[in-house]
Amino acid sequence: MSVAFTKESDAEAVAANLPDRPVPTHANLVTAAGLAAIDAALAEARAAYDEARAGGEISADRSAMAVATRELRYWSARRASAQLIEGTPADGVVGFGSSVRIERADGRVQTWRIVGDDEADPATGSVSYVSPLARAVMGRRIGDVAMLAGHEVEIVAVG
């Protein structure tokens, strides 16, 4: 029977048309730790791709190959566009790679590290340099006030 007359399962059809992960259009700035994480993710994606290829006939499990191919394309693009920013900005100035402690009007104090997109994880205290918080405080110094979500925050420490 011709392949044209067979019906793929819905999962296989979706896997075969798995969309690419969106790649941000702004510069891909990374810290040394962020670059190492991209390299590790790229190596993992290559291994998954090689494993999916070696797994026999591709049509047997298109989802594994589709995911592996998508991840390989994403991490290859991120590695190719990575711009390593080493060191920290001028003494006391908030910039890429800095840790900044802010105090909100209600007395809450929060510390954030400003990093690249792929390294950002707000749950662990790191935000992307294009995030509203980072944009509000970059270029400022201890004692400066910035507007964040319509409220004033004071920069109380920079590291």
Protein backbone atom coordinates (compact mmCIF):
# COMPACT_ATOMS: atom_id res chain seq x y z
CA MET A 1 0.00 0.00 0.00
CA SER A 2 1.23 3.46 -0.81
CA VAL A 3 2.28 5.71 2.05
CA ALA A 4 -0.21 8.26 0.76
CA PHE A 5 -3.05 6.02 1.94
CA THR A 6 -1.82 5.45 5.49
CA LYS A 7 -2.86 7.63 8.40
CA GLU A 8 -0.30 8.85 10.88
CA SER A 9 -1.30 9.06 14.51
CA ASP A 10 -2.11 12.56 15.71
CA ALA A 11 0.98 12.63 17.96
CA GLU A 12 3.28 11.77 15.07
CA ALA A 13 1.70 14.42 12.86
CA VAL A 14 2.17 17.07 15.54
CA ALA A 15 5.76 15.96 16.20
CA ALA A 16 6.61 16.11 12.52
CA ASN A 17 5.48 19.75 12.46
CA LEU A 18 6.98 20.83 15.78
CA PRO A 19 7.57 24.59 15.59
CA ASP A 20 10.96 26.07 16.36
CA ARG A 21 11.59 27.65 19.73
CA PRO A 22 11.44 31.41 19.35
CA VAL A 23 14.86 33.05 19.29
CA PRO A 24 14.87 36.59 20.74
CA THR A 25 15.78 39.30 18.26
CA HIS A 26 17.86 41.40 20.67
CA ALA A 27 21.56 40.78 21.32
CA ASN A 28 22.39 37.48 23.00
CA LEU A 29 24.55 38.79 25.84
CA VAL A 30 25.85 36.09 28.17
CA THR A 31 27.91 35.82 31.32
CA ALA A 32 30.65 33.18 31.54
CA ALA A 33 28.22 30.93 33.46
CA GLY A 34 25.54 31.56 30.83
CA LEU A 35 27.93 30.61 28.02
CA ALA A 36 28.86 27.40 29.86
CA ALA A 37 25.16 26.59 30.26
CA ILE A 38 24.56 27.14 26.53
CA ASP A 39 27.52 24.87 25.71
CA ALA A 40 26.11 22.17 28.02
CA ALA A 41 22.63 22.47 26.50
CA LEU A 42 24.10 22.29 22.99
CA ALA A 43 26.07 19.15 23.87
CA GLU A 44 22.93 17.61 25.36
CA ALA A 45 20.95 18.50 22.23
CA ARG A 46 23.62 16.96 19.99
CA ALA A 47 23.58 13.77 22.07
CA ALA A 48 19.78 13.57 21.91
CA TYR A 49 19.87 14.12 18.16
CA ASP A 50 22.53 11.43 17.67
CA GLU A 51 20.54 9.04 19.86
CA ALA A 52 17.34 9.71 17.91
CA ARG A 53 19.18 9.14 14.60
CA ALA A 54 20.74 5.91 15.85
CA GLY A 55 17.41 4.70 17.18
CA GLY A 56 16.51 3.09 13.88
CA GLU A 57 13.97 4.22 11.39
CA ILE A 58 13.04 7.85 11.96
CA SER A 59 9.37 7.24 11.27
CA ALA A 60 9.22 4.82 14.21
CA ASP A 61 9.31 7.74 16.67
CA ARG A 62 9.12 11.09 14.99
CA SER A 63 8.55 12.95 18.24
CA ALA A 64 12.04 12.14 19.60
CA MET A 65 13.68 13.23 16.36
CA ALA A 66 11.52 16.37 16.07
CA VAL A 67 12.29 17.47 19.64
CA ALA A 68 15.99 16.70 19.26
CA THR A 69 16.19 18.58 15.95
CA ARG A 70 14.35 21.58 17.35
CA GLU A 71 16.60 21.76 20.43
CA LEU A 72 19.73 21.37 18.31
CA ARG A 73 18.65 24.25 16.03
CA TYR A 74 17.80 26.48 19.01
CA TRP A 75 20.99 25.90 20.99
CA SER A 76 23.16 26.10 17.85
CA ALA A 77 21.64 29.50 17.07
CA ARG A 78 22.06 30.69 20.66
CA ARG A 79 25.70 29.57 20.74
CA ALA A 80 26.45 31.19 17.38
CA SER A 81 25.00 34.53 18.50
CA ALA A 82 26.35 34.53 22.09
CA GLN A 83 28.31 37.65 23.04
CA LEU A 84 30.34 37.02 26.19
CA ILE A 85 30.38 40.01 28.54
CA GLU A 86 33.09 39.53 31.13
CA GLY A 87 33.55 41.54 34.27
CA THR A 88 31.15 43.99 35.79
CA PRO A 89 30.36 47.59 34.92
CA ALA A 90 32.10 50.58 36.50
CA ASP A 91 32.26 50.51 40.28
CA GLY A 92 28.84 51.08 41.78
CA VAL A 93 26.94 51.27 38.49
CA VAL A 94 24.23 48.71 37.77
CA GLY A 95 24.86 46.88 34.50
CA PHE A 96 24.99 43.50 32.81
CA GLY A 97 26.35 40.90 35.24
CA SER A 98 25.69 43.07 38.31
CA SER A 99 23.77 42.09 41.39
CA VAL A 100 21.49 44.87 42.53
CA ARG A 101 19.57 45.15 45.78
CA ILE A 102 16.45 47.30 45.69
CA GLU A 103 14.17 48.49 48.45
CA ARG A 104 10.51 48.96 47.69
CA ALA A 105 8.27 51.60 49.28
CA ASP A 106 6.65 48.92 51.46
CA GLY A 107 10.05 48.04 52.96
CA ARG A 108 10.63 44.83 51.00
CA VAL A 109 14.24 44.33 49.96
CA GLN A 110 15.07 42.17 46.94
CA THR A 111 18.34 41.24 45.26
CA TRP A 112 18.57 40.43 41.56
CA ARG A 113 21.43 39.51 39.24
CA ILE A 114 21.20 40.86 35.69
CA VAL A 115 22.10 38.18 33.12
CA GLY A 116 21.29 36.97 29.59
CA ASP A 117 17.96 35.52 28.47
CA ASP A 118 18.87 31.83 28.65
CA GLU A 119 20.44 32.23 32.10
CA ALA A 120 17.60 34.24 33.65
CA ASP A 121 15.57 32.51 36.34
CA PRO A 122 13.57 34.89 38.54
CA ALA A 123 12.83 32.08 41.01
CA THR A 124 16.55 31.96 41.83
CA GLY A 125 17.13 35.72 41.71
CA SER A 126 18.36 36.34 38.17
CA VAL A 127 16.59 38.41 35.52
CA SER A 128 17.25 39.06 31.85
CA TYR A 129 18.92 42.32 30.95
CA VAL A 130 15.88 43.16 28.80
CA SER A 131 13.40 42.65 31.65
CA PRO A 132 11.51 45.68 32.96
CA LEU A 133 13.36 45.47 36.27
CA ALA A 134 16.79 45.42 34.64
CA ARG A 135 15.93 48.23 32.25
CA ALA A 136 14.67 50.35 35.16
CA VAL A 137 17.87 50.03 37.21
CA MET A 138 20.71 49.70 34.67
CA GLY A 139 23.04 52.68 34.64
CA ARG A 140 21.99 53.78 38.12
CA ARG A 141 23.96 53.87 41.37
CA ILE A 142 23.38 53.28 45.08
CA GLY A 143 20.87 55.82 46.39
CA ASP A 144 19.25 56.37 42.98
CA VAL A 145 15.51 55.90 42.67
CA ALA A 146 13.94 54.08 39.72
CA MET A 147 10.35 53.54 38.63
CA LEU A 148 9.29 49.91 38.48
CA ALA A 149 5.71 48.97 37.63
CA GLY A 150 4.55 52.46 38.58
CA HIS A 151 6.26 52.40 41.98
CA GLU A 152 9.53 53.86 43.17
CA VAL A 153 12.35 51.55 44.20
CA GLU A 154 15.64 52.65 45.70
CA ILE A 155 18.95 51.02 44.80
CA VAL A 156 20.59 50.13 48.10
CA ALA A 157 23.50 47.94 46.93
CA VAL A 158 25.33 47.04 43.74
CA GLY A 159 27.76 44.17 43.38
